[in-house]
Amino acid sequence: MSQTTAPLLEIEALYAGIDRRDDPVTILRDVAFDIRPGEMVGVVGESGSGKSMTALAVMGLLPAAVSVTSGSVRFDGDDLVAVSQRAMREVRGRRIGMIFQDPMTTLDPVVKVGRQIEEAYRIHHRGASRAAARARAAEVLELVGVPDVSRRMQQYPHQWSGGMRQRAVIAMALVNDPDLLIADEPTTALDATIQAQVLEVLARARSELGVAIMLITHDLGVIAQYADRVIVMYAGQVMESATTAELFDDSRHPYSQALIRSRPALAEPGGRLPAIPGQPPSLDRLPAGCPFAPRCTSTFKSQRCVEEPTAVAASADGRLSACHYRDLQEMS
């Protein structure tokens, strides 16, 4: 993907949190990255790192207690943080589609699958006939690999397997031909074979429709195979931003390095699986310095890491990392 292409999505200095009078909690801190047309960007990190909250901030679907406090989310030039709810409803589901983690809770159990996808289409195409909506629903179901579409559209979600339900959710997200698709852990609770099929569906949607994809996942193997670039998040902030090749060949942040070392595929047969020591910090009791400092085992770790907050910046060769010793990491 050419870096000269203008970003489709551009998140800048995004902060979000819970505004408790006596004890406010910041959930996202200075999050910044972009996604270009047709690009697949992976967002990785442990549970609680802020991946899903970032996606919800883009969609304008943050929980009631959480709000964006500063920063911008520019989509095709418009700041989604500043637009009205009416304008946001025109973007959400039409130009930005989202796949949530659990398809069974996404789909209405008492409405036929085909009808649900048709309704998603007609919300944004108010003049469309029922026949046109049905034809479009069938088209996207075929695109995502659902067999015997006419019969399947007349079934209820409980009559579909987990993998097939996820295909239906992807079809619903694609039915309005969006420019950006946010996939939040789209293979959660699926077995390995079905996971691979779902990911191939996303790859096919990208190649055939040109849709950009923000892929949120814990699985670095998935990132290595499908993503163009990677955003590594920890404790609500970005730790590193790199191309996929750069991240796996020469990661610059100790947290990225620890994630890569802990992949099961790298464990010795019969040996212990390498793990990151300790636990992620509570967001209302963050360390004063680098949030990863208490768990960091880097040889560069110093008192500075414990005392001084970090922010993403470029090393001498232009790589983006939030490590105080990014330049030393470059030389190591």
C-alpha atoms as a PDB file:
ATOM      1  CA  MET A   1       0.000   0.000   0.000  1.00  0.00           C
ATOM      2  CA  SER A   2       1.527   3.310  -1.074  1.00  0.00           C
ATOM      3  CA  GLN A   3       2.280   5.669   1.796  1.00  0.00           C
ATOM      4  CA  THR A   4       1.487   8.591  -0.527  1.00  0.00           C
ATOM      5  CA  THR A   5      -2.206   7.638  -0.474  1.00  0.00           C
ATOM      6  CA  ALA A   6      -4.181   9.908   1.845  1.00  0.00           C
ATOM      7  CA  PRO A   7      -5.420   8.091   4.981  1.00  0.00           C
ATOM      8  CA  LEU A   8      -9.034   6.968   5.006  1.00  0.00           C
ATOM      9  CA  LEU A   9      -9.044   6.876   8.815  1.00  0.00           C
ATOM     10  CA  GLU A  10      -6.733   9.075  10.869  1.00  0.00           C
ATOM     11  CA  ILE A  11      -6.768   8.936  14.668  1.00  0.00           C
ATOM     12  CA  GLU A  12      -4.801  11.708  16.366  1.00  0.00           C
ATOM     13  CA  ALA A  13      -3.996  12.258  20.061  1.00  0.00           C
ATOM     14  CA  LEU A  14      -7.151  10.415  21.125  1.00  0.00           C
ATOM     15  CA  TYR A  15      -7.978  10.363  24.832  1.00  0.00           C
ATOM     16  CA  ALA A  16     -11.073   8.715  26.312  1.00  0.00           C
ATOM     17  CA  GLY A  17     -12.090   7.861  29.825  1.00  0.00           C
ATOM     18  CA  ILE A  18     -14.583   7.837  32.670  1.00  0.00           C
ATOM     19  CA  ASP A  19     -15.141  11.269  34.159  1.00  0.00           C
ATOM     20  CA  ARG A  20     -15.572  10.335  37.813  1.00  0.00           C
ATOM     21  CA  ARG A  21     -15.659  13.488  39.912  1.00  0.00           C
ATOM     22  CA  ASP A  22     -13.107  12.421  42.495  1.00  0.00           C
ATOM     23  CA  ASP A  23     -11.231   9.772  40.575  1.00  0.00           C
ATOM     24  CA  PRO A  24     -11.332  10.057  36.747  1.00  0.00           C
ATOM     25  CA  VAL A  25      -9.999   7.085  34.789  1.00  0.00           C
ATOM     26  CA  THR A  26      -8.261   7.475  31.434  1.00  0.00           C
ATOM     27  CA  ILE A  27      -8.866   4.436  29.224  1.00  0.00           C
ATOM     28  CA  LEU A  28      -7.225   5.624  25.987  1.00  0.00           C
ATOM     29  CA  ARG A  29      -4.170   7.873  26.074  1.00  0.00           C
ATOM     30  CA  ASP A  30      -2.729   9.677  23.066  1.00  0.00           C
ATOM     31  CA  VAL A  31      -3.785   6.959  20.606  1.00  0.00           C
ATOM     32  CA  ALA A  32      -2.673   7.805  17.074  1.00  0.00           C
ATOM     33  CA  PHE A  33      -2.533   5.799  13.857  1.00  0.00           C
ATOM     34  CA  ASP A  34      -4.053   5.774  10.385  1.00  0.00           C
ATOM     35  CA  ILE A  35      -5.486   3.319   7.885  1.00  0.00           C
ATOM     36  CA  ARG A  36      -5.278   3.885   4.150  1.00  0.00           C
ATOM     37  CA  PRO A  37      -7.785   2.771   1.488  1.00  0.00           C
ATOM     38  CA  GLY A  38      -7.588  -0.962   0.847  1.00  0.00           C
ATOM     39  CA  GLU A  39      -5.088  -1.536   3.656  1.00  0.00           C
ATOM     40  CA  MET A  40      -5.343  -4.125   6.428  1.00  0.00           C
ATOM     41  CA  VAL A  41      -3.978  -2.846   9.733  1.00  0.00           C
ATOM     42  CA  GLY A  42      -3.703  -5.213  12.682  1.00  0.00           C
ATOM     43  CA  VAL A  43      -4.219  -3.958  16.228  1.00  0.00           C
ATOM     44  CA  VAL A  44      -2.713  -6.287  18.831  1.00  0.00           C
ATOM     45  CA  GLY A  45      -2.201  -6.405  22.580  1.00  0.00           C
ATOM     46  CA  GLU A  46      -3.361  -8.244  25.681  1.00  0.00           C
ATOM     47  CA  SER A  47      -6.925  -8.021  26.999  1.00  0.00           C
ATOM     48  CA  GLY A  48      -7.566  -4.566  28.417  1.00  0.00           C
ATOM     49  CA  SER A  49      -4.990  -2.867  26.197  1.00  0.00           C
ATOM     50  CA  GLY A  50      -7.575  -0.578  24.570  1.00  0.00           C
ATOM     51  CA  LYS A  51      -8.018  -2.288  21.208  1.00  0.00           C
ATOM     52  CA  SER A  52     -11.810  -2.661  21.328  1.00  0.00           C
ATOM     53  CA  MET A  53     -12.282   0.713  23.040  1.00  0.00           C
ATOM     54  CA  THR A  54     -10.428   2.346  20.152  1.00  0.00           C
ATOM     55  CA  ALA A  55     -12.749   0.614  17.684  1.00  0.00           C
ATOM     56  CA  LEU A  56     -15.821   1.697  19.648  1.00  0.00           C
ATOM     57  CA  ALA A  57     -14.524   5.270  19.731  1.00  0.00           C
ATOM     58  CA  VAL A  58     -14.249   5.216  15.936  1.00  0.00           C
ATOM     59  CA  MET A  59     -17.816   3.906  15.657  1.00  0.00           C
ATOM     60  CA  GLY A  60     -19.245   6.331  18.218  1.00  0.00           C
ATOM     61  CA  LEU A  61     -20.376   3.369  20.320  1.00  0.00           C
ATOM     62  CA  LEU A  62     -18.440   3.865  23.552  1.00  0.00           C
ATOM     63  CA  PRO A  63     -20.238   2.700  26.725  1.00  0.00           C
ATOM     64  CA  ALA A  64     -22.390   5.368  28.354  1.00  0.00           C
ATOM     65  CA  ALA A  65     -19.875   5.985  31.150  1.00  0.00           C
ATOM     66  CA  VAL A  66     -16.969   6.477  28.718  1.00  0.00           C
ATOM     67  CA  SER A  67     -16.431   9.518  26.509  1.00  0.00           C
ATOM     68  CA  VAL A  68     -13.776  10.975  24.235  1.00  0.00           C
ATOM     69  CA  THR A  69     -12.110  13.805  26.162  1.00  0.00           C
ATOM     70  CA  SER A  70      -9.763  15.098  23.457  1.00  0.00           C
ATOM     71  CA  GLY A  71      -8.269  14.266  20.103  1.00  0.00           C
ATOM     72  CA  SER A  72      -9.819  13.493  16.740  1.00  0.00           C
ATOM     73  CA  VAL A  73     -11.019  10.557  14.634  1.00  0.00           C
ATOM     74  CA  ARG A  74     -10.967  11.748  11.039  1.00  0.00           C
ATOM     75  CA  PHE A  75     -12.714   9.577   8.487  1.00  0.00           C
ATOM     76  CA  ASP A  76     -12.389  10.710   4.875  1.00  0.00           C
ATOM     77  CA  GLY A  77     -11.712  14.215   6.181  1.00  0.00           C
ATOM     78  CA  ASP A  78     -14.571  14.477   8.691  1.00  0.00           C
ATOM     79  CA  ASP A  79     -13.920  14.403  12.450  1.00  0.00           C
ATOM     80  CA  LEU A  80     -16.286  11.736  13.774  1.00  0.00           C
ATOM     81  CA  VAL A  81     -15.804  12.996  17.333  1.00  0.00           C
ATOM     82  CA  ALA A  82     -17.340  16.344  16.374  1.00  0.00           C
ATOM     83  CA  VAL A  83     -20.177  15.306  14.043  1.00  0.00           C
ATOM     84  CA  SER A  84     -23.810  15.062  15.161  1.00  0.00           C
ATOM     85  CA  GLN A  85     -25.385  11.760  16.129  1.00  0.00           C
ATOM     86  CA  ARG A  86     -27.518  11.941  13.001  1.00  0.00           C
ATOM     87  CA  ALA A  87     -24.451  12.319  10.800  1.00  0.00           C
ATOM     88  CA  MET A  88     -22.724   9.512  12.694  1.00  0.00           C
ATOM     89  CA  ARG A  89     -25.654   7.182  12.013  1.00  0.00           C
ATOM     90  CA  GLU A  90     -25.188   7.832   8.299  1.00  0.00           C
ATOM     91  CA  VAL A  91     -21.542   6.767   8.531  1.00  0.00           C
ATOM     92  CA  ARG A  92     -21.980   3.843  10.939  1.00  0.00           C
ATOM     93  CA  GLY A  93     -23.066   0.742   9.046  1.00  0.00           C
ATOM     94  CA  ARG A  94     -22.919   2.537   5.704  1.00  0.00           C
ATOM     95  CA  ARG A  95     -19.321   3.683   5.233  1.00  0.00           C
ATOM     96  CA  ILE A  96     -17.851   1.899   8.262  1.00  0.00           C
ATOM     97  CA  GLY A  97     -18.958  -1.642   9.011  1.00  0.00           C
ATOM     98  CA  MET A  98     -18.141  -3.538  12.198  1.00  0.00           C
ATOM     99  CA  ILE A  99     -17.863  -7.222  13.034  1.00  0.00           C
ATOM    100  CA  PHE A 100     -18.260  -7.880  16.748  1.00  0.00           C
ATOM    101  CA  GLN A 101     -16.707 -10.748  18.699  1.00  0.00           C
ATOM    102  CA  ASP A 102     -19.798 -12.863  19.309  1.00  0.00           C
ATOM    103  CA  PRO A 103     -22.106 -13.369  16.310  1.00  0.00           C
ATOM    104  CA  MET A 104     -24.809 -14.975  18.470  1.00  0.00           C
ATOM    105  CA  THR A 105     -25.283 -11.743  20.413  1.00  0.00           C
ATOM    106  CA  THR A 106     -25.003  -9.635  17.246  1.00  0.00           C
ATOM    107  CA  LEU A 107     -27.825 -11.459  15.448  1.00  0.00           C
ATOM    108  CA  ASP A 108     -31.462 -11.264  16.601  1.00  0.00           C
ATOM    109  CA  PRO A 109     -32.426 -14.859  17.533  1.00  0.00           C
ATOM    110  CA  VAL A 110     -36.079 -14.443  16.535  1.00  0.00           C
ATOM    111  CA  VAL A 111     -35.559 -12.889  13.088  1.00  0.00           C
ATOM    112  CA  LYS A 112     -34.504 -14.861  10.031  1.00  0.00           C
ATOM    113  CA  VAL A 113     -30.913 -14.296   8.967  1.00  0.00           C
ATOM    114  CA  GLY A 114     -31.787 -13.055   5.494  1.00  0.00           C
ATOM    115  CA  ARG A 115     -34.288 -10.549   6.869  1.00  0.00           C
ATOM    116  CA  GLN A 116     -31.681  -9.095   9.235  1.00  0.00           C
ATOM    117  CA  ILE A 117     -29.217  -8.485   6.411  1.00  0.00           C
ATOM    118  CA  GLU A 118     -31.981  -7.007   4.241  1.00  0.00           C
ATOM    119  CA  GLU A 119     -32.903  -4.578   7.032  1.00  0.00           C
ATOM    120  CA  ALA A 120     -29.266  -3.498   7.400  1.00  0.00           C
ATOM    121  CA  TYR A 121     -29.327  -2.616   3.711  1.00  0.00           C
ATOM    122  CA  ARG A 122     -32.671  -0.797   3.697  1.00  0.00           C
ATOM    123  CA  ILE A 123     -31.727   1.405   6.664  1.00  0.00           C
ATOM    124  CA  HIS A 124     -29.199   3.118   4.413  1.00  0.00           C
ATOM    125  CA  HIS A 125     -31.105   2.713   1.125  1.00  0.00           C
ATOM    126  CA  ARG A 126     -34.538   3.950   2.091  1.00  0.00           C
ATOM    127  CA  GLY A 127     -35.900   3.842  -1.457  1.00  0.00           C
ATOM    128  CA  ALA A 128     -34.824   0.250  -2.032  1.00  0.00           C
ATOM    129  CA  SER A 129     -37.558  -2.333  -2.543  1.00  0.00           C
ATOM    130  CA  ARG A 130     -37.756  -5.520  -0.510  1.00  0.00           C
ATOM    131  CA  ALA A 131     -36.774  -7.462  -3.641  1.00  0.00           C
ATOM    132  CA  ALA A 132     -33.672  -5.291  -4.171  1.00  0.00           C
ATOM    133  CA  ALA A 133     -32.667  -5.708  -0.524  1.00  0.00           C
ATOM    134  CA  ARG A 134     -33.167  -9.474  -0.749  1.00  0.00           C
ATOM    135  CA  ALA A 135     -31.026  -9.645  -3.880  1.00  0.00           C
ATOM    136  CA  ARG A 136     -28.247  -7.632  -2.223  1.00  0.00           C
ATOM    137  CA  ALA A 137     -28.377  -9.811   0.898  1.00  0.00           C
ATOM    138  CA  ALA A 138     -28.060 -12.929  -1.251  1.00  0.00           C
ATOM    139  CA  GLU A 139     -25.149 -11.375  -3.130  1.00  0.00           C
ATOM    140  CA  VAL A 140     -23.074 -10.680  -0.011  1.00  0.00           C
ATOM    141  CA  LEU A 141     -23.907 -14.060   1.512  1.00  0.00           C
ATOM    142  CA  GLU A 142     -22.553 -15.685  -1.625  1.00  0.00           C
ATOM    143  CA  LEU A 143     -19.469 -13.450  -1.411  1.00  0.00           C
ATOM    144  CA  VAL A 144     -18.693 -14.708   2.105  1.00  0.00           C
ATOM    145  CA  GLY A 145     -19.117 -18.321   1.043  1.00  0.00           C
ATOM    146  CA  VAL A 146     -22.547 -19.298   2.383  1.00  0.00           C
ATOM    147  CA  PRO A 147     -23.886 -22.283   0.400  1.00  0.00           C
ATOM    148  CA  ASP A 148     -27.524 -22.744  -0.656  1.00  0.00           C
ATOM    149  CA  VAL A 149     -28.211 -19.060  -0.012  1.00  0.00           C
ATOM    150  CA  SER A 150     -31.956 -19.036  -0.742  1.00  0.00           C
ATOM    151  CA  ARG A 151     -32.627 -21.713   1.869  1.00  0.00           C
ATOM    152  CA  ARG A 152     -30.171 -20.331   4.392  1.00  0.00           C
ATOM    153  CA  MET A 153     -31.745 -16.876   4.284  1.00  0.00           C
ATOM    154  CA  GLN A 154     -34.993 -18.371   5.563  1.00  0.00           C
ATOM    155  CA  GLN A 155     -33.349 -19.887   8.636  1.00  0.00           C
ATOM    156  CA  TYR A 156     -32.872 -18.461  12.130  1.00  0.00           C
ATOM    157  CA  PRO A 157     -29.431 -17.876  13.723  1.00  0.00           C
ATOM    158  CA  HIS A 158     -29.682 -20.957  15.941  1.00  0.00           C
ATOM    159  CA  GLN A 159     -29.903 -23.078  12.792  1.00  0.00           C
ATOM    160  CA  TRP A 160     -26.495 -21.848  11.676  1.00  0.00           C
ATOM    161  CA  SER A 161     -23.157 -23.079  13.060  1.00  0.00           C
ATOM    162  CA  GLY A 162     -20.795 -20.654  14.798  1.00  0.00           C
ATOM    163  CA  GLY A 163     -18.650 -20.249  11.711  1.00  0.00           C
ATOM    164  CA  MET A 164     -21.675 -19.712   9.484  1.00  0.00           C
ATOM    165  CA  ARG A 165     -23.109 -17.146  11.889  1.00  0.00           C
ATOM    166  CA  GLN A 166     -19.833 -15.238  11.694  1.00  0.00           C
ATOM    167  CA  ARG A 167     -20.120 -15.283   7.906  1.00  0.00           C
ATOM    168  CA  ALA A 168     -23.615 -13.813   8.261  1.00  0.00           C
ATOM    169  CA  VAL A 169     -22.265 -11.034  10.495  1.00  0.00           C
ATOM    170  CA  ILE A 170     -19.522 -10.291   7.956  1.00  0.00           C
ATOM    171  CA  ALA A 171     -22.153 -10.207   5.205  1.00  0.00           C
ATOM    172  CA  MET A 172     -24.212  -7.749   7.268  1.00  0.00           C
ATOM    173  CA  ALA A 173     -21.140  -5.524   7.712  1.00  0.00           C
ATOM    174  CA  LEU A 174     -20.444  -5.636   3.960  1.00  0.00           C
ATOM    175  CA  VAL A 175     -23.996  -5.282   2.651  1.00  0.00           C
ATOM    176  CA  ASN A 176     -23.710  -1.490   2.254  1.00  0.00           C
ATOM    177  CA  ASP A 177     -20.312  -1.703   0.530  1.00  0.00           C
ATOM    178  CA  PRO A 178     -18.384   0.169   3.261  1.00  0.00           C
ATOM    179  CA  ASP A 179     -14.991   1.810   2.803  1.00  0.00           C
ATOM    180  CA  LEU A 180     -13.713   0.537   6.158  1.00  0.00           C
ATOM    181  CA  LEU A 181     -14.435  -2.684   8.018  1.00  0.00           C
ATOM    182  CA  ILE A 182     -13.566  -3.026  11.711  1.00  0.00           C
ATOM    183  CA  ALA A 183     -13.189  -6.677  12.709  1.00  0.00           C
ATOM    184  CA  ASP A 184     -13.033  -7.046  16.497  1.00  0.00           C
ATOM    185  CA  GLU A 185     -11.669 -10.520  17.295  1.00  0.00           C
ATOM    186  CA  PRO A 186     -13.716 -12.048  14.441  1.00  0.00           C
ATOM    187  CA  THR A 187     -12.512 -15.605  15.116  1.00  0.00           C
ATOM    188  CA  THR A 188     -13.141 -15.744  18.875  1.00  0.00           C
ATOM    189  CA  ALA A 189     -14.482 -19.145  20.066  1.00  0.00           C
ATOM    190  CA  LEU A 190     -14.126 -20.723  16.615  1.00  0.00           C
ATOM    191  CA  ASP A 191     -12.004 -23.813  16.002  1.00  0.00           C
ATOM    192  CA  ALA A 192      -8.819 -23.492  13.954  1.00  0.00           C
ATOM    193  CA  THR A 193     -10.322 -24.676  10.668  1.00  0.00           C
ATOM    194  CA  ILE A 194     -13.273 -22.277  10.885  1.00  0.00           C
ATOM    195  CA  GLN A 195     -10.962 -19.442  11.978  1.00  0.00           C
ATOM    196  CA  ALA A 196      -8.940 -19.900   8.801  1.00  0.00           C
ATOM    197  CA  GLN A 197     -12.101 -19.866   6.694  1.00  0.00           C
ATOM    198  CA  VAL A 198     -13.383 -16.658   8.305  1.00  0.00           C
ATOM    199  CA  LEU A 199     -10.039 -14.923   7.808  1.00  0.00           C
ATOM    200  CA  GLU A 200      -9.997 -15.970   4.164  1.00  0.00           C
ATOM    201  CA  VAL A 201     -13.464 -14.435   3.808  1.00  0.00           C
ATOM    202  CA  LEU A 202     -12.072 -11.131   5.105  1.00  0.00           C
ATOM    203  CA  ALA A 203      -9.082 -11.353   2.782  1.00  0.00           C
ATOM    204  CA  ARG A 204     -11.423 -12.026  -0.128  1.00  0.00           C
ATOM    205  CA  ALA A 205     -13.616  -9.042   0.769  1.00  0.00           C
ATOM    206  CA  ARG A 206     -10.537  -6.874   0.817  1.00  0.00           C
ATOM    207  CA  SER A 207      -9.256  -8.076  -2.558  1.00  0.00           C
ATOM    208  CA  GLU A 208     -12.624  -8.065  -4.346  1.00  0.00           C
ATOM    209  CA  LEU A 209     -14.256  -5.008  -2.794  1.00  0.00           C
ATOM    210  CA  GLY A 210     -11.195  -2.914  -1.939  1.00  0.00           C
ATOM    211  CA  VAL A 211     -12.404  -2.403   1.619  1.00  0.00           C
ATOM    212  CA  ALA A 212      -9.850  -1.287   4.228  1.00  0.00           C
ATOM    213  CA  ILE A 213      -9.785  -3.457   7.352  1.00  0.00           C
ATOM    214  CA  MET A 214      -8.881  -2.765  10.967  1.00  0.00           C
ATOM    215  CA  LEU A 215      -8.249  -6.251  12.348  1.00  0.00           C
ATOM    216  CA  ILE A 216      -8.242  -6.538  16.148  1.00  0.00           C
ATOM    217  CA  THR A 217      -6.772  -9.788  17.400  1.00  0.00           C
ATOM    218  CA  HIS A 218      -4.611 -11.495  20.013  1.00  0.00           C
ATOM    219  CA  ASP A 219      -3.196 -13.860  17.399  1.00  0.00           C
ATOM    220  CA  LEU A 220       0.159 -12.723  16.060  1.00  0.00           C
ATOM    221  CA  GLY A 221       0.095 -15.593  13.553  1.00  0.00           C
ATOM    222  CA  VAL A 222      -2.994 -14.034  11.967  1.00  0.00           C
ATOM    223  CA  ILE A 223      -1.256 -10.649  11.884  1.00  0.00           C
ATOM    224  CA  ALA A 224       1.836 -12.131  10.251  1.00  0.00           C
ATOM    225  CA  GLN A 225      -0.251 -13.697   7.493  1.00  0.00           C
ATOM    226  CA  TYR A 226      -2.812 -11.001   6.725  1.00  0.00           C
ATOM    227  CA  ALA A 227      -1.853  -7.509   7.962  1.00  0.00           C
ATOM    228  CA  ASP A 228       0.138  -4.858   6.100  1.00  0.00           C
ATOM    229  CA  ARG A 229       0.940  -2.885   9.236  1.00  0.00           C
ATOM    230  CA  VAL A 230       0.624  -3.450  12.980  1.00  0.00           C
ATOM    231  CA  ILE A 231      -0.343  -1.232  15.905  1.00  0.00           C
ATOM    232  CA  VAL A 232       0.773  -2.646  19.262  1.00  0.00           C
ATOM    233  CA  MET A 233      -1.277  -1.375  22.232  1.00  0.00           C
ATOM    234  CA  TYR A 234      -0.752  -1.696  25.972  1.00  0.00           C
ATOM    235  CA  ALA A 235      -2.619  -0.079  28.889  1.00  0.00           C
ATOM    236  CA  GLY A 236      -4.600   2.186  26.582  1.00  0.00           C
ATOM    237  CA  GLN A 237      -1.766   3.569  24.491  1.00  0.00           C
ATOM    238  CA  VAL A 238       0.221   2.717  21.389  1.00  0.00           C
ATOM    239  CA  MET A 239       3.585   1.098  22.123  1.00  0.00           C
ATOM    240  CA  GLU A 240       4.758   0.580  18.557  1.00  0.00           C
ATOM    241  CA  SER A 241       3.647   1.136  14.972  1.00  0.00           C
ATOM    242  CA  ALA A 242       5.402  -0.761  12.180  1.00  0.00           C
ATOM    243  CA  THR A 243       4.950  -2.699   8.997  1.00  0.00           C
ATOM    244  CA  THR A 244       4.346  -6.382   9.632  1.00  0.00           C
ATOM    245  CA  ALA A 245       7.806  -7.301   8.362  1.00  0.00           C
ATOM    246  CA  GLU A 246       9.444  -4.661  10.574  1.00  0.00           C
ATOM    247  CA  LEU A 247       7.599  -5.827  13.659  1.00  0.00           C
ATOM    248  CA  PHE A 248       8.521  -9.483  13.325  1.00  0.00           C
ATOM    249  CA  ASP A 249      12.064  -8.950  12.039  1.00  0.00           C
ATOM    250  CA  ASP A 250      13.136  -5.985  14.160  1.00  0.00           C
ATOM    251  CA  SER A 251      10.590  -4.886  16.794  1.00  0.00           C
ATOM    252  CA  ARG A 252      11.637  -1.805  18.759  1.00  0.00           C
ATOM    253  CA  HIS A 253       9.550  -1.908  21.919  1.00  0.00           C
ATOM    254  CA  PRO A 254      10.189  -4.471  24.692  1.00  0.00           C
ATOM    255  CA  TYR A 255       6.458  -5.194  24.883  1.00  0.00           C
ATOM    256  CA  SER A 256       6.321  -6.068  21.170  1.00  0.00           C
ATOM    257  CA  GLN A 257       9.375  -8.255  21.620  1.00  0.00           C
ATOM    258  CA  ALA A 258       7.767 -10.014  24.593  1.00  0.00           C
ATOM    259  CA  LEU A 259       4.560 -10.677  22.637  1.00  0.00           C
ATOM    260  CA  ILE A 260       6.511 -12.204  19.777  1.00  0.00           C
ATOM    261  CA  ARG A 261       8.599 -14.386  22.108  1.00  0.00           C
ATOM    262  CA  SER A 262       5.457 -15.714  23.800  1.00  0.00           C
ATOM    263  CA  ARG A 263       3.926 -17.153  20.620  1.00  0.00           C
ATOM    264  CA  PRO A 264       3.137 -20.876  21.126  1.00  0.00           C
ATOM    265  CA  ALA A 265       4.707 -21.720  17.769  1.00  0.00           C
ATOM    266  CA  LEU A 266       8.098 -20.659  19.116  1.00  0.00           C
ATOM    267  CA  ALA A 267       7.976 -22.878  22.211  1.00  0.00           C
ATOM    268  CA  GLU A 268      10.352 -25.825  22.372  1.00  0.00           C
ATOM    269  CA  PRO A 269       8.554 -29.182  22.055  1.00  0.00           C
ATOM    270  CA  GLY A 270       7.824 -30.369  25.580  1.00  0.00           C
ATOM    271  CA  GLY A 271       9.219 -27.158  27.026  1.00  0.00           C
ATOM    272  CA  ARG A 272       7.596 -24.306  28.910  1.00  0.00           C
ATOM    273  CA  LEU A 273       5.764 -21.676  26.929  1.00  0.00           C
ATOM    274  CA  PRO A 274       7.556 -18.338  27.342  1.00  0.00           C
ATOM    275  CA  ALA A 275       5.292 -15.839  29.099  1.00  0.00           C
ATOM    276  CA  ILE A 276       5.358 -12.147  29.953  1.00  0.00           C
ATOM    277  CA  PRO A 277       5.865 -11.860  33.720  1.00  0.00           C
ATOM    278  CA  GLY A 278       3.290 -10.066  35.855  1.00  0.00           C
ATOM    279  CA  GLN A 279      -0.065  -8.618  34.858  1.00  0.00           C
ATOM    280  CA  PRO A 280      -1.172  -5.544  32.893  1.00  0.00           C
ATOM    281  CA  PRO A 281      -1.699  -2.539  35.191  1.00  0.00           C
ATOM    282  CA  SER A 282      -5.102  -1.369  36.371  1.00  0.00           C
ATOM    283  CA  LEU A 283      -6.066   1.728  34.404  1.00  0.00           C
ATOM    284  CA  ASP A 284      -6.888   3.657  37.578  1.00  0.00           C
ATOM    285  CA  ARG A 285      -3.478   2.859  39.087  1.00  0.00           C
ATOM    286  CA  LEU A 286      -1.025   3.255  36.233  1.00  0.00           C
ATOM    287  CA  PRO A 287       2.717   3.472  36.893  1.00  0.00           C
ATOM    288  CA  ALA A 288       4.244   6.948  36.834  1.00  0.00           C
ATOM    289  CA  GLY A 289       6.585   6.083  33.973  1.00  0.00           C
ATOM    290  CA  CYS A 290       6.290   3.610  31.115  1.00  0.00           C
ATOM    291  CA  PRO A 291       3.200   1.446  31.778  1.00  0.00           C
ATOM    292  CA  PHE A 292       5.151  -1.650  30.762  1.00  0.00           C
ATOM    293  CA  ALA A 293       8.121  -0.901  33.054  1.00  0.00           C
ATOM    294  CA  PRO A 294       7.036  -3.215  35.932  1.00  0.00           C
ATOM    295  CA  ARG A 295       7.023  -6.196  33.535  1.00  0.00           C
ATOM    296  CA  CYS A 296       9.894  -5.168  31.269  1.00  0.00           C
ATOM    297  CA  THR A 297      12.970  -7.434  31.205  1.00  0.00           C
ATOM    298  CA  SER A 298      14.951  -5.429  28.648  1.00  0.00           C
ATOM    299  CA  THR A 299      18.648  -4.875  29.344  1.00  0.00           C
ATOM    300  CA  PHE A 300      18.030  -1.183  28.610  1.00  0.00           C
ATOM    301  CA  LYS A 301      15.541  -0.786  31.468  1.00  0.00           C
ATOM    302  CA  SER A 302      16.519   2.001  33.886  1.00  0.00           C
ATOM    303  CA  GLN A 303      15.113   4.324  36.541  1.00  0.00           C
ATOM    304  CA  ARG A 304      14.013   6.618  33.742  1.00  0.00           C
ATOM    305  CA  CYS A 305      11.548   3.957  32.583  1.00  0.00           C
ATOM    306  CA  VAL A 306       9.990   3.886  36.061  1.00  0.00           C
ATOM    307  CA  GLU A 307       9.770   7.659  36.497  1.00  0.00           C
ATOM    308  CA  GLU A 308       9.180   9.249  33.061  1.00  0.00           C
ATOM    309  CA  PRO A 309       6.012   8.704  30.990  1.00  0.00           C
ATOM    310  CA  THR A 310       6.517   7.511  27.422  1.00  0.00           C
ATOM    311  CA  ALA A 311       5.062   8.673  24.126  1.00  0.00           C
ATOM    312  CA  VAL A 312       5.347   7.322  20.604  1.00  0.00           C
ATOM    313  CA  ALA A 313       8.164   8.987  18.680  1.00  0.00           C
ATOM    314  CA  ALA A 314      10.444   8.127  15.789  1.00  0.00           C
ATOM    315  CA  SER A 315      13.869   6.591  16.239  1.00  0.00           C
ATOM    316  CA  ALA A 316      16.799   7.698  14.096  1.00  0.00           C
ATOM    317  CA  ASP A 317      15.630   5.522  11.197  1.00  0.00           C
ATOM    318  CA  GLY A 318      12.002   6.713  11.428  1.00  0.00           C
ATOM    319  CA  ARG A 319      10.502   3.704  13.244  1.00  0.00           C
ATOM    320  CA  LEU A 320       7.715   4.592  15.714  1.00  0.00           C
ATOM    321  CA  SER A 321       8.010   3.322  19.275  1.00  0.00           C
ATOM    322  CA  ALA A 322       7.142   4.472  22.792  1.00  0.00           C
ATOM    323  CA  CYS A 323      10.345   3.116  24.328  1.00  0.00           C
ATOM    324  CA  HIS A 324      12.704   5.657  25.945  1.00  0.00           C
ATOM    325  CA  TYR A 325      15.563   3.670  24.429  1.00  0.00           C
ATOM    326  CA  ARG A 326      14.193   3.289  20.913  1.00  0.00           C
ATOM    327  CA  ASP A 327      17.498   4.412  19.385  1.00  0.00           C
ATOM    328  CA  LEU A 328      19.450   1.869  21.413  1.00  0.00           C
ATOM    329  CA  GLN A 329      16.931  -0.800  20.411  1.00  0.00           C
ATOM    330  CA  GLU A 330      17.691   0.156  16.810  1.00  0.00           C
ATOM    331  CA  MET A 331      21.395  -0.481  17.299  1.00  0.00           C
ATOM    332  CA  SER A 332      21.082  -3.692  19.299  1.00  0.00           C
END
